[in-house]
Amino acid sequence: MQNWLITGCSTGLGRALATAVLARGWNVTATVRNPSGIGDIAAPADRTRCLVQKLDVADGKEIKEVVARSQERFGAVDVLVNNAGYGYRAAVEEADETDVRDLFETNFYGVFHLTQAVLPIMRARRRGWVVNISSVAGRISPAGSALYAASKFAVEGLSGGLQKELQPLGINVMLVEPGPFRTNFAGRSLKQSSRAIEDYAATAGLLRKENSKIDGSQPGDPIRAAECIIRTMLRAKPPFRLVLGRVASERVEADLRAQLQELTEWKPMAADADFPTVA
């Protein structure tokens, strides 16, 4: 795991991961939309191991150029971390279609295109890691975050199939599902619909930025999360899904229990949909 390519390194988990990778003596290609904001990400002694690159993950041309520069500088890409993304809050009816398409361009298609660009390098060496940063919203779908959750559900589906395709080739896939972390996610990075419909005030409306009270007080620590990701990857049998944060763990567990209960309750109806069994 010597050479990492990490997207979304300006703040939060991406920045924490880049810093942790450098601290371990590894190389990192740290990508951001505005490189001037992360000039301090590497200490002077680490700058030969840190390649800062401008990258908008919605730009296919930039993706190819950054992957090529990373390979040229460090010889390979051992770990790809698809971290770049942002949140979007709106009731489904309130959402603007352009906003939703932009959301998917970053949160899903950015992951798809970067993964496609890096896989030939990993396949040639029969080793590597693809780490996709999802969200607890990729397992549950809160009111007001249905469209953000949809973008992360797409990443979850992609990652599940990808793991089965790459495992026989010696390439690992890990899906990281953080809960609320103290980053800019609920602050300046968060987008929302321009209109609010009063009928959704008690559901989706509670998550609108003007009503949010969590920014800056989330329980999750991105620095500790970065270390958890690296330590997990170093385990002999790392999981496919890594849930991070007590809040995320509790919510996922509750949702899985509810799903199992509902599945069990309606199992006879599932069987009724089949052709009758011939004795």
Foldseek 3Di string as FASTA:
>chain_A
DQEAEEEDCLKFLNLLLCLVSLVVVGAYEYEDQDQVRCPPSDDPVSVLRYHYYHDDLLDLVSLLVSLVVSCVSPVAHAEYELDDAAAEFDAPVLDDPVVLVVRLSRLPVSLVSNCVNRVVRCLVVLHHEYEYEAALLCQPPFGRRNSSNVSRVNVVVVQVVVQVVNVVSHYHYAYEHEYDAQMCRLPPRYHYGPDHDPVCCVGSVCSDSVNDDCHRPTPHYSNVVSVVVVVLVPDPDRDRYHYDDPVSVVVNVVVVVVVVVVCVVCVVVVVVVDDDDDD
